[in-house]
Amino acid sequence: MTNYLVRVECAALLGASDDVRAELSTDFDLIADALFDLEDVHDQDLTADLATGTLTFSIGVVADDEFRALDRALGAVRTALHAAGRGTPGWERHYRMLRQEVEEEPVGVR
């Protein structure tokens, strides 16, 4: 098993209101709380860029390979978005995945 750091960037889409920034601001604390409550990942972090309407998740996972690491991290992202009322399935109507990056953590880091 290997430690990986996965970064997932999502763009907020317009929902009930026409103000993505307001929706993102409202969702941020709920999403962050849910992300930090997850026990099967480590070194979680969440940032928001209100100017661009994006969230960036940084999530540490232990997995056999990069594909499984990405799968576990995406599961964590979906779980966190779900906690903000952006249900699964259907979360993709509120947040669109822009990019994912998987990086193997150097040995001894964690």
N, C-alpha and C. Protein backbone atom coordinates (compact mmCIF):
# COMPACT_ATOMS: atom_id res chain seq x y z
N MET A 1 0.84 -1.18 0.00
CA MET A 1 0.00 0.00 0.00
C MET A 1 0.89 1.24 0.00
N THR A 2 0.42 2.26 -0.69
CA THR A 2 1.19 3.49 -0.87
C THR A 2 0.34 4.68 -0.46
N ASN A 3 0.98 5.71 0.08
CA ASN A 3 0.30 6.96 0.40
C ASN A 3 0.26 7.83 -0.85
N TYR A 4 -0.91 8.38 -1.14
CA TYR A 4 -1.08 9.28 -2.27
C TYR A 4 -1.73 10.57 -1.79
N LEU A 5 -1.39 11.65 -2.45
CA LEU A 5 -2.08 12.92 -2.26
C LEU A 5 -2.89 13.17 -3.53
N VAL A 6 -4.19 13.36 -3.36
CA VAL A 6 -5.07 13.57 -4.50
C VAL A 6 -5.68 14.97 -4.37
N ARG A 7 -5.63 15.71 -5.46
CA ARG A 7 -6.26 17.02 -5.53
C ARG A 7 -7.38 16.96 -6.56
N VAL A 8 -8.54 17.43 -6.14
CA VAL A 8 -9.71 17.44 -7.02
C VAL A 8 -10.26 18.87 -7.03
N GLU A 9 -10.39 19.43 -8.21
CA GLU A 9 -10.94 20.77 -8.34
C GLU A 9 -12.34 20.68 -8.94
N CYS A 10 -13.28 21.38 -8.32
CA CYS A 10 -14.67 21.39 -8.76
C CYS A 10 -15.13 22.82 -8.98
N ALA A 11 -15.98 23.01 -9.96
CA ALA A 11 -16.59 24.32 -10.21
C ALA A 11 -18.03 24.27 -9.72
N ALA A 12 -18.42 25.28 -8.98
CA ALA A 12 -19.81 25.39 -8.53
C ALA A 12 -20.66 25.83 -9.71
N LEU A 13 -21.80 25.19 -9.86
CA LEU A 13 -22.74 25.54 -10.93
C LEU A 13 -23.92 26.26 -10.31
N LEU A 14 -24.63 27.04 -11.09
CA LEU A 14 -25.80 27.75 -10.57
C LEU A 14 -26.87 26.77 -10.15
N GLY A 15 -27.40 27.00 -9.00
CA GLY A 15 -28.49 26.17 -8.49
C GLY A 15 -29.75 27.00 -8.36
N ALA A 16 -30.24 27.10 -7.15
CA ALA A 16 -31.48 27.81 -6.90
C ALA A 16 -31.34 29.32 -7.12
N SER A 17 -30.16 29.85 -6.88
CA SER A 17 -29.97 31.29 -7.07
C SER A 17 -29.04 31.54 -8.25
N ASP A 18 -28.89 32.80 -8.60
CA ASP A 18 -28.00 33.17 -9.69
C ASP A 18 -26.63 33.59 -9.17
N ASP A 19 -26.39 33.43 -7.88
CA ASP A 19 -25.13 33.87 -7.29
C ASP A 19 -24.31 32.67 -6.84
N VAL A 20 -23.40 32.22 -7.70
CA VAL A 20 -22.56 31.05 -7.39
C VAL A 20 -21.76 31.31 -6.12
N ARG A 21 -21.25 32.52 -5.96
CA ARG A 21 -20.44 32.83 -4.79
C ARG A 21 -21.21 32.67 -3.50
N ALA A 22 -22.45 33.10 -3.49
CA ALA A 22 -23.28 32.97 -2.29
C ALA A 22 -23.54 31.50 -1.99
N GLU A 23 -23.85 30.72 -3.02
CA GLU A 23 -24.09 29.28 -2.81
C GLU A 23 -22.82 28.59 -2.32
N LEU A 24 -21.69 28.92 -2.92
CA LEU A 24 -20.42 28.32 -2.53
C LEU A 24 -20.08 28.70 -1.09
N SER A 25 -20.31 29.94 -0.72
CA SER A 25 -20.06 30.40 0.64
C SER A 25 -20.93 29.63 1.63
N THR A 26 -22.19 29.44 1.27
CA THR A 26 -23.12 28.71 2.13
C THR A 26 -22.71 27.25 2.27
N ASP A 27 -22.30 26.64 1.18
CA ASP A 27 -21.93 25.22 1.19
C ASP A 27 -20.59 24.94 1.86
N PHE A 28 -19.67 25.90 1.83
CA PHE A 28 -18.28 25.64 2.20
C PHE A 28 -18.13 25.01 3.59
N ASP A 29 -18.74 25.59 4.61
CA ASP A 29 -18.57 25.06 5.97
C ASP A 29 -19.13 23.64 6.09
N LEU A 30 -20.27 23.39 5.47
CA LEU A 30 -20.86 22.05 5.52
C LEU A 30 -19.96 21.02 4.84
N ILE A 31 -19.43 21.40 3.68
CA ILE A 31 -18.55 20.49 2.94
C ILE A 31 -17.26 20.26 3.71
N ALA A 32 -16.66 21.34 4.23
CA ALA A 32 -15.41 21.21 4.98
C ALA A 32 -15.60 20.35 6.22
N ASP A 33 -16.67 20.59 6.98
CA ASP A 33 -16.93 19.78 8.18
C ASP A 33 -17.05 18.30 7.83
N ALA A 34 -17.80 18.01 6.76
CA ALA A 34 -17.97 16.61 6.35
C ALA A 34 -16.64 16.01 5.91
N LEU A 35 -15.84 16.77 5.18
CA LEU A 35 -14.54 16.27 4.72
C LEU A 35 -13.63 15.95 5.89
N PHE A 36 -13.59 16.84 6.88
CA PHE A 36 -12.70 16.64 8.02
C PHE A 36 -13.20 15.55 8.96
N ASP A 37 -14.48 15.18 8.87
CA ASP A 37 -15.03 14.10 9.68
C ASP A 37 -14.73 12.71 9.11
N LEU A 38 -14.29 12.63 7.86
CA LEU A 38 -14.02 11.33 7.24
C LEU A 38 -12.83 10.67 7.91
N GLU A 39 -12.96 9.37 8.16
CA GLU A 39 -11.91 8.64 8.87
C GLU A 39 -11.04 7.79 7.97
N ASP A 40 -11.45 7.54 6.73
CA ASP A 40 -10.68 6.64 5.87
C ASP A 40 -9.73 7.39 4.94
N VAL A 41 -9.55 8.70 5.19
CA VAL A 41 -8.58 9.52 4.45
C VAL A 41 -7.75 10.29 5.48
N HIS A 42 -6.68 10.94 5.02
CA HIS A 42 -5.87 11.73 5.95
C HIS A 42 -5.43 13.04 5.29
N ASP A 43 -4.98 13.96 6.13
CA ASP A 43 -4.45 15.25 5.66
C ASP A 43 -5.42 15.97 4.72
N GLN A 44 -6.71 15.93 5.04
CA GLN A 44 -7.72 16.58 4.23
C GLN A 44 -7.57 18.11 4.31
N ASP A 45 -7.84 18.76 3.19
CA ASP A 45 -7.87 20.22 3.15
C ASP A 45 -8.85 20.63 2.07
N LEU A 46 -9.46 21.79 2.27
CA LEU A 46 -10.42 22.30 1.31
C LEU A 46 -10.21 23.80 1.19
N THR A 47 -10.11 24.27 -0.05
CA THR A 47 -10.02 25.71 -0.29
C THR A 47 -11.09 26.10 -1.28
N ALA A 48 -11.52 27.35 -1.18
CA ALA A 48 -12.51 27.88 -2.11
C ALA A 48 -11.96 29.16 -2.73
N ASP A 49 -12.23 29.33 -3.99
CA ASP A 49 -11.91 30.57 -4.69
C ASP A 49 -13.26 31.15 -5.13
N LEU A 50 -13.73 32.12 -4.36
CA LEU A 50 -15.05 32.69 -4.65
C LEU A 50 -15.07 33.45 -5.97
N ALA A 51 -13.93 33.99 -6.37
CA ALA A 51 -13.87 34.74 -7.64
C ALA A 51 -14.14 33.83 -8.84
N THR A 52 -13.63 32.59 -8.77
CA THR A 52 -13.82 31.67 -9.89
C THR A 52 -14.91 30.63 -9.62
N GLY A 53 -15.42 30.59 -8.38
CA GLY A 53 -16.45 29.62 -8.03
C GLY A 53 -15.94 28.19 -7.97
N THR A 54 -14.69 28.02 -7.52
CA THR A 54 -14.12 26.67 -7.47
C THR A 54 -13.78 26.24 -6.04
N LEU A 55 -13.88 24.94 -5.83
CA LEU A 55 -13.42 24.28 -4.62
C LEU A 55 -12.26 23.38 -5.00
N THR A 56 -11.23 23.36 -4.17
CA THR A 56 -10.12 22.43 -4.38
C THR A 56 -9.98 21.57 -3.14
N PHE A 57 -10.17 20.27 -3.33
CA PHE A 57 -10.02 19.28 -2.27
C PHE A 57 -8.61 18.70 -2.35
N SER A 58 -7.93 18.62 -1.23
CA SER A 58 -6.65 17.89 -1.13
C SER A 58 -6.87 16.79 -0.12
N ILE A 59 -6.63 15.56 -0.55
CA ILE A 59 -6.98 14.40 0.27
C ILE A 59 -5.87 13.38 0.21
N GLY A 60 -5.39 12.94 1.37
CA GLY A 60 -4.42 11.86 1.44
C GLY A 60 -5.15 10.53 1.57
N VAL A 61 -4.73 9.56 0.78
CA VAL A 61 -5.33 8.22 0.83
C VAL A 61 -4.22 7.18 0.76
N VAL A 62 -4.53 6.01 1.27
CA VAL A 62 -3.64 4.86 1.15
C VAL A 62 -4.31 3.90 0.17
N ALA A 63 -3.57 3.51 -0.87
CA ALA A 63 -4.15 2.64 -1.90
C ALA A 63 -3.06 1.82 -2.56
N ASP A 64 -3.48 0.82 -3.33
CA ASP A 64 -2.55 -0.04 -4.06
C ASP A 64 -1.94 0.64 -5.27
N ASP A 65 -2.71 1.56 -5.89
CA ASP A 65 -2.21 2.24 -7.08
C ASP A 65 -2.94 3.57 -7.26
N GLU A 66 -2.54 4.33 -8.27
CA GLU A 66 -3.10 5.65 -8.51
C GLU A 66 -4.60 5.61 -8.82
N PHE A 67 -5.03 4.60 -9.54
CA PHE A 67 -6.44 4.50 -9.91
C PHE A 67 -7.31 4.30 -8.67
N ARG A 68 -6.88 3.43 -7.77
CA ARG A 68 -7.64 3.20 -6.53
C ARG A 68 -7.57 4.42 -5.63
N ALA A 69 -6.44 5.12 -5.65
CA ALA A 69 -6.31 6.35 -4.86
C ALA A 69 -7.31 7.40 -5.34
N LEU A 70 -7.40 7.58 -6.64
CA LEU A 70 -8.34 8.54 -7.20
C LEU A 70 -9.77 8.13 -6.87
N ASP A 71 -10.08 6.86 -6.99
CA ASP A 71 -11.43 6.37 -6.68
C ASP A 71 -11.80 6.67 -5.23
N ARG A 72 -10.89 6.41 -4.30
CA ARG A 72 -11.15 6.66 -2.88
C ARG A 72 -11.33 8.15 -2.63
N ALA A 73 -10.50 8.97 -3.25
CA ALA A 73 -10.59 10.42 -3.05
C ALA A 73 -11.90 10.97 -3.63
N LEU A 74 -12.28 10.48 -4.81
CA LEU A 74 -13.55 10.94 -5.40
C LEU A 74 -14.73 10.53 -4.53
N GLY A 75 -14.65 9.36 -3.92
CA GLY A 75 -15.68 8.94 -2.98
C GLY A 75 -15.77 9.90 -1.79
N ALA A 76 -14.63 10.34 -1.30
CA ALA A 76 -14.60 11.30 -0.19
C ALA A 76 -15.20 12.63 -0.61
N VAL A 77 -14.89 13.08 -1.82
CA VAL A 77 -15.45 14.33 -2.34
C VAL A 77 -16.96 14.23 -2.45
N ARG A 78 -17.45 13.13 -3.02
CA ARG A 78 -18.90 12.94 -3.16
C ARG A 78 -19.57 12.91 -1.79
N THR A 79 -18.95 12.25 -0.82
CA THR A 79 -19.51 12.19 0.53
C THR A 79 -19.60 13.60 1.13
N ALA A 80 -18.55 14.39 0.97
CA ALA A 80 -18.55 15.75 1.51
C ALA A 80 -19.60 16.62 0.82
N LEU A 81 -19.71 16.52 -0.51
CA LEU A 81 -20.71 17.31 -1.23
C LEU A 81 -22.13 16.89 -0.84
N HIS A 82 -22.30 15.61 -0.62
CA HIS A 82 -23.60 15.09 -0.20
C HIS A 82 -24.02 15.72 1.13
N ALA A 83 -23.06 15.90 2.03
CA ALA A 83 -23.36 16.47 3.35
C ALA A 83 -23.86 17.91 3.24
N ALA A 84 -23.54 18.58 2.15
CA ALA A 84 -24.00 19.96 1.95
C ALA A 84 -25.36 19.99 1.27
N GLY A 85 -26.00 18.84 1.19
CA GLY A 85 -27.32 18.78 0.57
C GLY A 85 -27.27 18.66 -0.94
N ARG A 86 -26.09 18.37 -1.45
CA ARG A 86 -25.93 18.21 -2.89
C ARG A 86 -25.92 16.72 -3.18
N GLY A 87 -27.07 16.09 -2.98
CA GLY A 87 -27.26 14.65 -2.94
C GLY A 87 -26.54 13.81 -3.97
N THR A 88 -26.33 12.57 -3.58
CA THR A 88 -25.72 11.58 -4.44
C THR A 88 -26.81 10.56 -4.74
N PRO A 89 -27.22 10.27 -5.94
CA PRO A 89 -26.75 10.91 -7.16
C PRO A 89 -27.33 12.32 -7.30
N GLY A 90 -26.79 13.08 -8.22
CA GLY A 90 -27.29 14.41 -8.49
C GLY A 90 -26.33 15.53 -8.10
N TRP A 91 -25.25 15.18 -7.41
CA TRP A 91 -24.31 16.22 -6.99
C TRP A 91 -23.70 16.92 -8.19
N GLU A 92 -23.62 16.22 -9.32
CA GLU A 92 -22.99 16.81 -10.51
C GLU A 92 -23.82 17.95 -11.10
N ARG A 93 -25.05 18.12 -10.64
CA ARG A 93 -25.85 19.27 -11.08
C ARG A 93 -25.43 20.54 -10.34
N HIS A 94 -24.68 20.38 -9.24
CA HIS A 94 -24.26 21.52 -8.43
C HIS A 94 -22.76 21.79 -8.53
N TYR A 95 -21.99 20.73 -8.76
CA TYR A 95 -20.53 20.85 -8.86
C TYR A 95 -20.04 20.02 -10.02
N ARG A 96 -19.19 20.63 -10.84
CA ARG A 96 -18.62 19.93 -12.00
C ARG A 96 -17.14 19.71 -11.73
N MET A 97 -16.69 18.48 -11.94
CA MET A 97 -15.27 18.17 -11.78
C MET A 97 -14.49 18.83 -12.91
N LEU A 98 -13.46 19.56 -12.53
CA LEU A 98 -12.61 20.21 -13.54
C LEU A 98 -11.34 19.41 -13.79
N ARG A 99 -10.67 19.02 -12.71
CA ARG A 99 -9.42 18.27 -12.88
C ARG A 99 -9.12 17.48 -11.61
N GLN A 100 -8.36 16.43 -11.82
CA GLN A 100 -7.89 15.59 -10.72
C GLN A 100 -6.40 15.38 -10.90
N GLU A 101 -5.70 15.34 -9.79
CA GLU A 101 -4.25 15.13 -9.80
C GLU A 101 -3.91 14.12 -8.70
N VAL A 102 -3.18 13.10 -9.05
CA VAL A 102 -2.77 12.07 -8.09
C VAL A 102 -1.25 12.06 -8.03
N GLU A 103 -0.73 12.15 -6.81
CA GLU A 103 0.71 12.22 -6.62
C GLU A 103 1.11 11.25 -5.50
N GLU A 104 2.07 10.41 -5.78
CA GLU A 104 2.57 9.50 -4.75
C GLU A 104 3.37 10.30 -3.74
N GLU A 105 3.06 10.10 -2.45
CA GLU A 105 3.80 10.81 -1.41
C GLU A 105 5.14 10.14 -1.20
N PRO A 106 6.20 10.92 -1.01
CA PRO A 106 7.52 10.33 -0.76
C PRO A 106 7.51 9.43 0.48
N VAL A 107 8.32 8.41 0.48
CA VAL A 107 8.41 7.49 1.61
C VAL A 107 8.79 8.27 2.85
N GLY A 108 8.12 7.96 3.95
CA GLY A 108 8.41 8.63 5.22
C GLY A 108 7.59 9.88 5.47
N VAL A 109 6.79 10.29 4.50
CA VAL A 109 5.95 11.49 4.67
C VAL A 109 4.56 11.05 5.04
N ARG A 110 4.03 11.66 6.07
CA ARG A 110 2.63 11.48 6.44
C ARG A 110 2.36 12.11 7.74
